Amino acid sequence: MHLFVWRHSKRFSSWSMLDEPHIHKENYLQAEVTVLAASKAEALQLLERSGHWNIEDLLRIEPEVIPLDAARIITSHVDFQ
């Protein structure tokens, strides 16, 4: 099993970025989703079933893939704004 992490921020987006991905169905400033699955395909299927995520746009972003076979820091976040 692996953790698949997709992150996207629209914090600095502008009208010039018309082709920017929009990974969640609702409007957001920052979105992140982490899925535990055996494969990226299975992770995307789970996200599609939830009905909250835009799969076509998630496919445009390569997720961080975290194998669960050793001790490690899973995630960290620092926001200075």
C-alpha atoms as a PDB file:
ATOM      1  CA  MET A   1       0.000   0.000   0.000  1.00  0.00           C
ATOM      2  CA  HIS A   2       1.011   3.582  -0.638  1.00  0.00           C
ATOM      3  CA  LEU A   3      -0.201   7.028   0.277  1.00  0.00           C
ATOM      4  CA  PHE A   4      -0.973   9.173  -2.765  1.00  0.00           C
ATOM      5  CA  VAL A   5      -0.955  12.906  -2.011  1.00  0.00           C
ATOM      6  CA  TRP A   6      -2.307  15.533  -4.403  1.00  0.00           C
ATOM      7  CA  ARG A   7      -1.867  19.215  -3.523  1.00  0.00           C
ATOM      8  CA  HIS A   8      -2.880  22.321  -5.408  1.00  0.00           C
ATOM      9  CA  SER A   9      -2.828  25.998  -4.493  1.00  0.00           C
ATOM     10  CA  LYS A  10      -4.577  28.812  -6.300  1.00  0.00           C
ATOM     11  CA  ARG A  11      -3.112  31.406  -3.945  1.00  0.00           C
ATOM     12  CA  PHE A  12      -1.090  33.127  -6.688  1.00  0.00           C
ATOM     13  CA  SER A  13      -3.297  32.321  -9.679  1.00  0.00           C
ATOM     14  CA  SER A  14      -4.441  35.023 -12.064  1.00  0.00           C
ATOM     15  CA  TRP A  15      -6.583  35.354 -15.171  1.00  0.00           C
ATOM     16  CA  SER A  16      -3.481  34.592 -17.218  1.00  0.00           C
ATOM     17  CA  MET A  17      -3.585  31.030 -15.848  1.00  0.00           C
ATOM     18  CA  LEU A  18      -6.795  29.990 -17.575  1.00  0.00           C
ATOM     19  CA  ASP A  19      -5.611  26.410 -18.063  1.00  0.00           C
ATOM     20  CA  GLU A  20      -4.752  25.901 -14.393  1.00  0.00           C
ATOM     21  CA  PRO A  21      -6.125  22.685 -12.825  1.00  0.00           C
ATOM     22  CA  HIS A  22      -9.148  22.867 -10.535  1.00  0.00           C
ATOM     23  CA  ILE A  23      -8.929  19.634  -8.527  1.00  0.00           C
ATOM     24  CA  HIS A  24     -11.967  20.008  -6.227  1.00  0.00           C
ATOM     25  CA  LYS A  25     -15.597  20.507  -7.260  1.00  0.00           C
ATOM     26  CA  GLU A  26     -15.999  23.486  -4.879  1.00  0.00           C
ATOM     27  CA  ASN A  27     -14.085  26.741  -5.106  1.00  0.00           C
ATOM     28  CA  TYR A  28     -10.928  26.651  -2.978  1.00  0.00           C
ATOM     29  CA  LEU A  29      -7.707  28.490  -2.245  1.00  0.00           C
ATOM     30  CA  GLN A  30      -5.697  25.387  -1.366  1.00  0.00           C
ATOM     31  CA  ALA A  31      -6.759  21.763  -1.702  1.00  0.00           C
ATOM     32  CA  GLU A  32      -5.052  18.564  -0.614  1.00  0.00           C
ATOM     33  CA  VAL A  33      -6.188  14.971  -0.602  1.00  0.00           C
ATOM     34  CA  THR A  34      -4.343  11.875   0.621  1.00  0.00           C
ATOM     35  CA  VAL A  35      -5.479   8.391  -0.360  1.00  0.00           C
ATOM     36  CA  LEU A  36      -4.277   5.015   0.913  1.00  0.00           C
ATOM     37  CA  ALA A  37      -4.335   2.588  -2.017  1.00  0.00           C
ATOM     38  CA  ALA A  38      -2.351  -0.141  -3.754  1.00  0.00           C
ATOM     39  CA  SER A  39      -2.023   1.879  -6.980  1.00  0.00           C
ATOM     40  CA  LYS A  40      -2.576   5.341  -8.431  1.00  0.00           C
ATOM     41  CA  ALA A  41      -5.470   3.945 -10.481  1.00  0.00           C
ATOM     42  CA  GLU A  42      -7.167   2.617  -7.331  1.00  0.00           C
ATOM     43  CA  ALA A  43      -6.617   5.966  -5.577  1.00  0.00           C
ATOM     44  CA  LEU A  44      -8.259   7.816  -8.458  1.00  0.00           C
ATOM     45  CA  GLN A  45     -11.200   5.391  -8.435  1.00  0.00           C
ATOM     46  CA  LEU A  46     -11.772   6.082  -4.735  1.00  0.00           C
ATOM     47  CA  LEU A  47     -11.641   9.829  -5.357  1.00  0.00           C
ATOM     48  CA  GLU A  48     -14.051   9.544  -8.268  1.00  0.00           C
ATOM     49  CA  ARG A  49     -16.528   7.614  -6.120  1.00  0.00           C
ATOM     50  CA  SER A  50     -16.449  10.342  -3.459  1.00  0.00           C
ATOM     51  CA  GLY A  51     -17.869  12.812  -5.987  1.00  0.00           C
ATOM     52  CA  HIS A  52     -15.840  15.754  -4.638  1.00  0.00           C
ATOM     53  CA  TRP A  53     -12.770  15.675  -6.881  1.00  0.00           C
ATOM     54  CA  ASN A  54     -12.180  16.529 -10.557  1.00  0.00           C
ATOM     55  CA  ILE A  55     -10.367  13.438 -11.807  1.00  0.00           C
ATOM     56  CA  GLU A  56      -9.368  14.933 -15.166  1.00  0.00           C
ATOM     57  CA  ASP A  57      -7.511  17.733 -13.383  1.00  0.00           C
ATOM     58  CA  LEU A  58      -5.981  15.388 -10.786  1.00  0.00           C
ATOM     59  CA  LEU A  59      -4.501  13.439 -13.709  1.00  0.00           C
ATOM     60  CA  ARG A  60      -2.624  16.606 -14.713  1.00  0.00           C
ATOM     61  CA  ILE A  61      -0.814  16.702 -11.354  1.00  0.00           C
ATOM     62  CA  GLU A  62       1.637  13.954 -10.411  1.00  0.00           C
ATOM     63  CA  PRO A  63       0.903  12.963  -6.797  1.00  0.00           C
ATOM     64  CA  GLU A  64       3.550  12.487  -4.154  1.00  0.00           C
ATOM     65  CA  VAL A  65       3.710   8.721  -3.593  1.00  0.00           C
ATOM     66  CA  ILE A  66       4.672   7.611  -0.088  1.00  0.00           C
ATOM     67  CA  PRO A  67       5.457   3.910   0.381  1.00  0.00           C
ATOM     68  CA  LEU A  68       4.545   2.516   3.787  1.00  0.00           C
ATOM     69  CA  ASP A  69       7.542   0.230   4.217  1.00  0.00           C
ATOM     70  CA  ALA A  70       9.765   2.368   6.471  1.00  0.00           C
ATOM     71  CA  ALA A  71       9.528   5.001   9.163  1.00  0.00           C
ATOM     72  CA  ARG A  72       9.417   8.534   7.800  1.00  0.00           C
ATOM     73  CA  ILE A  73       7.760  11.924   8.109  1.00  0.00           C
ATOM     74  CA  ILE A  74       4.515  11.628   6.183  1.00  0.00           C
ATOM     75  CA  THR A  75       3.619  15.273   5.746  1.00  0.00           C
ATOM     76  CA  SER A  76       4.411  18.711   7.052  1.00  0.00           C
ATOM     77  CA  HIS A  77       2.966  22.104   6.293  1.00  0.00           C
ATOM     78  CA  VAL A  78       4.201  25.601   7.039  1.00  0.00           C
ATOM     79  CA  ASP A  79       2.177  28.644   5.976  1.00  0.00           C
ATOM     80  CA  PHE A  80       3.570  32.065   6.772  1.00  0.00           C
ATOM     81  CA  GLN A  81       0.669  34.110   5.507  1.00  0.00           C
END
